[in-house]
N, C-alpha and C. Protein backbone atom coordinates (compact mmCIF):
# COMPACT_ATOMS: atom_id res chain seq x y z
N MET A 1 -62.09 98.73 -74.31
CA MET A 1 -61.40 99.76 -73.57
C MET A 1 -62.37 100.84 -73.09
N LEU A 2 -63.32 101.19 -73.95
CA LEU A 2 -64.29 102.22 -73.59
C LEU A 2 -65.21 101.73 -72.47
N LEU A 3 -65.53 100.46 -72.48
CA LEU A 3 -66.36 99.90 -71.42
C LEU A 3 -65.63 99.94 -70.07
N THR A 4 -64.35 99.64 -70.07
CA THR A 4 -63.55 99.71 -68.84
C THR A 4 -63.49 101.14 -68.32
N LEU A 5 -63.31 102.09 -69.21
CA LEU A 5 -63.29 103.50 -68.83
C LEU A 5 -64.63 103.92 -68.23
N THR A 6 -65.72 103.46 -68.82
CA THR A 6 -67.05 103.79 -68.32
C THR A 6 -67.27 103.21 -66.93
N TRP A 7 -66.89 101.95 -66.74
CA TRP A 7 -67.04 101.33 -65.43
C TRP A 7 -66.21 102.05 -64.36
N GLY A 8 -64.99 102.43 -64.73
CA GLY A 8 -64.15 103.17 -63.79
C GLY A 8 -64.72 104.53 -63.46
N ALA A 9 -65.30 105.19 -64.47
CA ALA A 9 -65.90 106.51 -64.26
C ALA A 9 -67.14 106.42 -63.38
N LEU A 10 -67.77 105.27 -63.33
CA LEU A 10 -68.93 105.07 -62.46
C LEU A 10 -68.55 104.50 -61.10
N PHE A 11 -67.57 103.60 -61.08
CA PHE A 11 -67.21 102.89 -59.85
C PHE A 11 -66.60 103.82 -58.80
N PHE A 12 -65.58 104.58 -59.18
CA PHE A 12 -64.86 105.37 -58.19
C PHE A 12 -65.68 106.52 -57.61
N PRO A 13 -66.39 107.30 -58.42
CA PRO A 13 -67.27 108.31 -57.80
C PRO A 13 -68.39 107.69 -56.98
N GLY A 14 -68.90 106.54 -57.44
CA GLY A 14 -69.93 105.84 -56.67
C GLY A 14 -69.41 105.35 -55.34
N LEU A 15 -68.20 104.82 -55.33
CA LEU A 15 -67.58 104.38 -54.08
C LEU A 15 -67.37 105.55 -53.14
N PHE A 16 -66.95 106.68 -53.69
CA PHE A 16 -66.75 107.88 -52.87
C PHE A 16 -68.08 108.33 -52.25
N ALA A 17 -69.13 108.40 -53.07
CA ALA A 17 -70.45 108.83 -52.56
C ALA A 17 -70.97 107.86 -51.51
N LEU A 18 -70.80 106.56 -51.75
CA LEU A 18 -71.26 105.56 -50.79
C LEU A 18 -70.50 105.66 -49.47
N CYS A 19 -69.19 105.84 -49.54
CA CYS A 19 -68.38 105.97 -48.32
C CYS A 19 -68.75 107.23 -47.55
N THR A 20 -68.92 108.33 -48.25
CA THR A 20 -69.28 109.59 -47.60
C THR A 20 -70.64 109.47 -46.93
N TRP A 21 -71.60 108.90 -47.63
CA TRP A 21 -72.94 108.71 -47.07
C TRP A 21 -72.89 107.78 -45.86
N GLY A 22 -72.16 106.68 -45.98
CA GLY A 22 -72.06 105.73 -44.88
C GLY A 22 -71.38 106.31 -43.65
N LEU A 23 -70.34 107.09 -43.86
CA LEU A 23 -69.65 107.71 -42.72
C LEU A 23 -70.52 108.76 -42.04
N ARG A 24 -71.28 109.49 -42.82
CA ARG A 24 -72.17 110.50 -42.21
C ARG A 24 -73.24 109.85 -41.36
N ARG A 25 -73.70 108.69 -41.78
CA ARG A 25 -74.72 107.97 -41.00
C ARG A 25 -74.12 107.25 -39.81
N ALA A 26 -72.92 106.68 -39.99
CA ALA A 26 -72.29 105.91 -38.92
C ALA A 26 -71.66 106.81 -37.85
N ARG A 27 -71.16 107.94 -38.26
CA ARG A 27 -70.48 108.86 -37.35
C ARG A 27 -71.08 110.26 -37.49
N PRO A 28 -72.26 110.50 -36.96
CA PRO A 28 -72.89 111.82 -37.12
C PRO A 28 -72.12 112.95 -36.43
N GLU A 29 -71.26 112.60 -35.47
CA GLU A 29 -70.49 113.64 -34.77
C GLU A 29 -69.33 114.16 -35.61
N TRP A 30 -68.94 113.44 -36.66
CA TRP A 30 -67.86 113.89 -37.53
C TRP A 30 -68.36 115.02 -38.43
N THR A 31 -67.46 115.92 -38.77
CA THR A 31 -67.83 117.00 -39.69
C THR A 31 -67.85 116.47 -41.12
N ASP A 32 -68.44 117.27 -42.01
CA ASP A 32 -68.46 116.88 -43.43
C ASP A 32 -67.04 116.78 -43.98
N THR A 33 -66.16 117.65 -43.51
CA THR A 33 -64.76 117.61 -43.96
C THR A 33 -64.09 116.30 -43.57
N ASP A 34 -64.36 115.83 -42.36
CA ASP A 34 -63.78 114.56 -41.92
C ASP A 34 -64.28 113.40 -42.78
N CYS A 35 -65.57 113.38 -43.05
CA CYS A 35 -66.15 112.30 -43.86
C CYS A 35 -65.59 112.31 -45.28
N VAL A 36 -65.48 113.50 -45.87
CA VAL A 36 -64.94 113.60 -47.23
C VAL A 36 -63.47 113.19 -47.27
N MET A 37 -62.70 113.61 -46.26
CA MET A 37 -61.28 113.27 -46.22
C MET A 37 -61.08 111.76 -46.11
N ILE A 38 -61.82 111.11 -45.23
CA ILE A 38 -61.69 109.66 -45.06
C ILE A 38 -62.16 108.93 -46.33
N SER A 39 -63.24 109.39 -46.93
CA SER A 39 -63.74 108.77 -48.16
C SER A 39 -62.73 108.91 -49.29
N THR A 40 -62.12 110.08 -49.40
CA THR A 40 -61.11 110.30 -50.44
C THR A 40 -59.94 109.35 -50.26
N ARG A 41 -59.50 109.20 -49.04
CA ARG A 41 -58.36 108.31 -48.77
C ARG A 41 -58.72 106.85 -49.02
N LEU A 42 -59.94 106.46 -48.70
CA LEU A 42 -60.37 105.09 -48.95
C LEU A 42 -60.43 104.80 -50.45
N VAL A 43 -60.99 105.72 -51.23
CA VAL A 43 -61.08 105.53 -52.68
C VAL A 43 -59.67 105.50 -53.29
N SER A 44 -58.79 106.36 -52.82
CA SER A 44 -57.41 106.34 -53.31
C SER A 44 -56.72 105.02 -52.99
N SER A 45 -56.97 104.48 -51.81
CA SER A 45 -56.38 103.20 -51.43
C SER A 45 -56.90 102.07 -52.30
N VAL A 46 -58.19 102.06 -52.58
CA VAL A 46 -58.77 101.03 -53.45
C VAL A 46 -58.18 101.15 -54.85
N GLN A 47 -58.05 102.37 -55.36
CA GLN A 47 -57.47 102.56 -56.69
C GLN A 47 -56.02 102.10 -56.72
N ALA A 48 -55.26 102.37 -55.67
CA ALA A 48 -53.86 101.93 -55.62
C ALA A 48 -53.75 100.42 -55.59
N VAL A 49 -54.61 99.76 -54.83
CA VAL A 49 -54.58 98.29 -54.75
C VAL A 49 -54.93 97.69 -56.11
N LEU A 50 -55.94 98.23 -56.79
CA LEU A 50 -56.31 97.71 -58.11
C LEU A 50 -55.22 97.96 -59.14
N ALA A 51 -54.58 99.12 -59.10
CA ALA A 51 -53.48 99.40 -60.03
C ALA A 51 -52.29 98.49 -59.78
N THR A 52 -51.99 98.25 -58.52
CA THR A 52 -50.89 97.35 -58.19
C THR A 52 -51.20 95.93 -58.64
N GLY A 53 -52.43 95.50 -58.41
CA GLY A 53 -52.83 94.16 -58.84
C GLY A 53 -52.75 93.98 -60.35
N SER A 54 -53.20 94.98 -61.10
CA SER A 54 -53.12 94.86 -62.56
C SER A 54 -51.67 94.90 -63.04
N GLY A 55 -50.83 95.67 -62.37
CA GLY A 55 -49.41 95.68 -62.72
C GLY A 55 -48.76 94.35 -62.47
N ILE A 56 -49.10 93.73 -61.35
CA ILE A 56 -48.55 92.40 -61.04
C ILE A 56 -49.00 91.37 -62.06
N ILE A 57 -50.26 91.43 -62.47
CA ILE A 57 -50.76 90.50 -63.49
C ILE A 57 -50.02 90.69 -64.80
N ILE A 58 -49.79 91.93 -65.19
CA ILE A 58 -49.07 92.20 -66.45
C ILE A 58 -47.65 91.70 -66.37
N ILE A 59 -46.97 91.99 -65.27
CA ILE A 59 -45.57 91.58 -65.13
C ILE A 59 -45.44 90.06 -65.12
N ARG A 60 -46.37 89.37 -64.45
CA ARG A 60 -46.29 87.91 -64.37
C ARG A 60 -46.66 87.23 -65.68
N SER A 61 -47.43 87.91 -66.54
CA SER A 61 -47.86 87.28 -67.78
C SER A 61 -46.89 87.51 -68.94
N CYS A 62 -45.89 88.37 -68.75
CA CYS A 62 -44.94 88.68 -69.81
C CYS A 62 -43.54 88.24 -69.40
N SER A 63 -42.81 87.71 -70.36
CA SER A 63 -41.41 87.39 -70.06
C SER A 63 -40.55 88.64 -70.13
N ASP A 64 -40.89 89.56 -71.02
CA ASP A 64 -40.19 90.85 -71.11
C ASP A 64 -41.27 91.91 -71.31
N VAL A 65 -41.53 92.71 -70.29
CA VAL A 65 -42.64 93.65 -70.29
C VAL A 65 -42.52 94.68 -71.41
N ILE A 66 -41.32 95.06 -71.75
CA ILE A 66 -41.12 96.11 -72.75
C ILE A 66 -41.41 95.59 -74.16
N THR A 67 -40.96 94.40 -74.50
CA THR A 67 -41.08 93.93 -75.88
C THR A 67 -42.24 92.97 -76.12
N ASP A 68 -42.79 92.34 -75.10
CA ASP A 68 -43.91 91.41 -75.30
C ASP A 68 -45.15 92.17 -75.72
N ARG A 69 -45.97 91.51 -76.56
CA ARG A 69 -47.24 92.09 -76.98
C ARG A 69 -48.35 91.17 -76.52
N SER A 70 -49.51 91.76 -76.30
CA SER A 70 -50.65 90.95 -75.87
C SER A 70 -51.16 90.12 -77.03
N SER A 71 -51.96 89.11 -76.73
CA SER A 71 -52.45 88.21 -77.76
C SER A 71 -53.41 88.89 -78.73
N GLY A 72 -54.10 89.93 -78.28
CA GLY A 72 -55.05 90.62 -79.16
C GLY A 72 -54.43 91.75 -79.95
N GLU A 73 -53.16 92.04 -79.71
CA GLU A 73 -52.50 93.15 -80.38
C GLU A 73 -52.04 92.74 -81.76
N THR A 74 -52.26 93.60 -82.72
CA THR A 74 -51.83 93.34 -84.08
C THR A 74 -50.73 94.33 -84.43
N LEU A 75 -50.14 94.14 -85.58
CA LEU A 75 -49.07 95.02 -86.01
C LEU A 75 -49.57 96.46 -86.15
N GLY A 76 -50.82 96.62 -86.53
CA GLY A 76 -51.38 97.96 -86.70
C GLY A 76 -51.63 98.68 -85.39
N THR A 77 -51.83 97.95 -84.30
CA THR A 77 -52.10 98.58 -83.02
C THR A 77 -50.88 98.62 -82.11
N SER A 78 -49.78 98.08 -82.55
CA SER A 78 -48.57 98.05 -81.73
C SER A 78 -47.91 99.41 -81.72
N LEU A 79 -47.60 99.91 -80.53
CA LEU A 79 -46.88 101.18 -80.41
C LEU A 79 -45.46 101.03 -80.94
N LEU A 80 -44.87 99.88 -80.71
CA LEU A 80 -43.52 99.63 -81.19
C LEU A 80 -43.48 99.68 -82.72
N ALA A 81 -44.47 99.06 -83.37
CA ALA A 81 -44.52 99.06 -84.84
C ALA A 81 -44.81 100.46 -85.36
N ALA A 82 -45.66 101.21 -84.67
CA ALA A 82 -45.98 102.56 -85.11
C ALA A 82 -44.76 103.47 -85.01
N SER A 83 -43.99 103.33 -83.93
CA SER A 83 -42.81 104.18 -83.79
C SER A 83 -41.73 103.81 -84.79
N SER A 84 -41.61 102.53 -85.13
CA SER A 84 -40.59 102.11 -86.10
C SER A 84 -40.96 102.53 -87.51
N GLN A 85 -42.27 102.67 -87.81
CA GLN A 85 -42.70 103.10 -89.13
C GLN A 85 -42.45 104.59 -89.33
N GLN A 86 -42.46 105.37 -88.24
CA GLN A 86 -42.24 106.80 -88.35
C GLN A 86 -40.77 107.13 -88.60
N ASN A 87 -39.87 106.28 -88.17
CA ASN A 87 -38.43 106.54 -88.31
C ASN A 87 -37.92 106.23 -89.67
């Protein structure tokens, strides 16, 4: 999980910097504000597509999204088990 967080923390700012740099070189007549705005929207679109894709994968792999547990999940890491132990 920490590795995924690290990759995300590097990927999205890197994509933003790359898009901003590329737009400034490709369209020198655009202002910095225009380049940043387009880069922000592009990164947001990529993030939305990836989130939608991961949601679709989760939904298709579970028969019941609320009660199914992943194969690597144990009773100790289950949120459902933790909430039932508190009650």
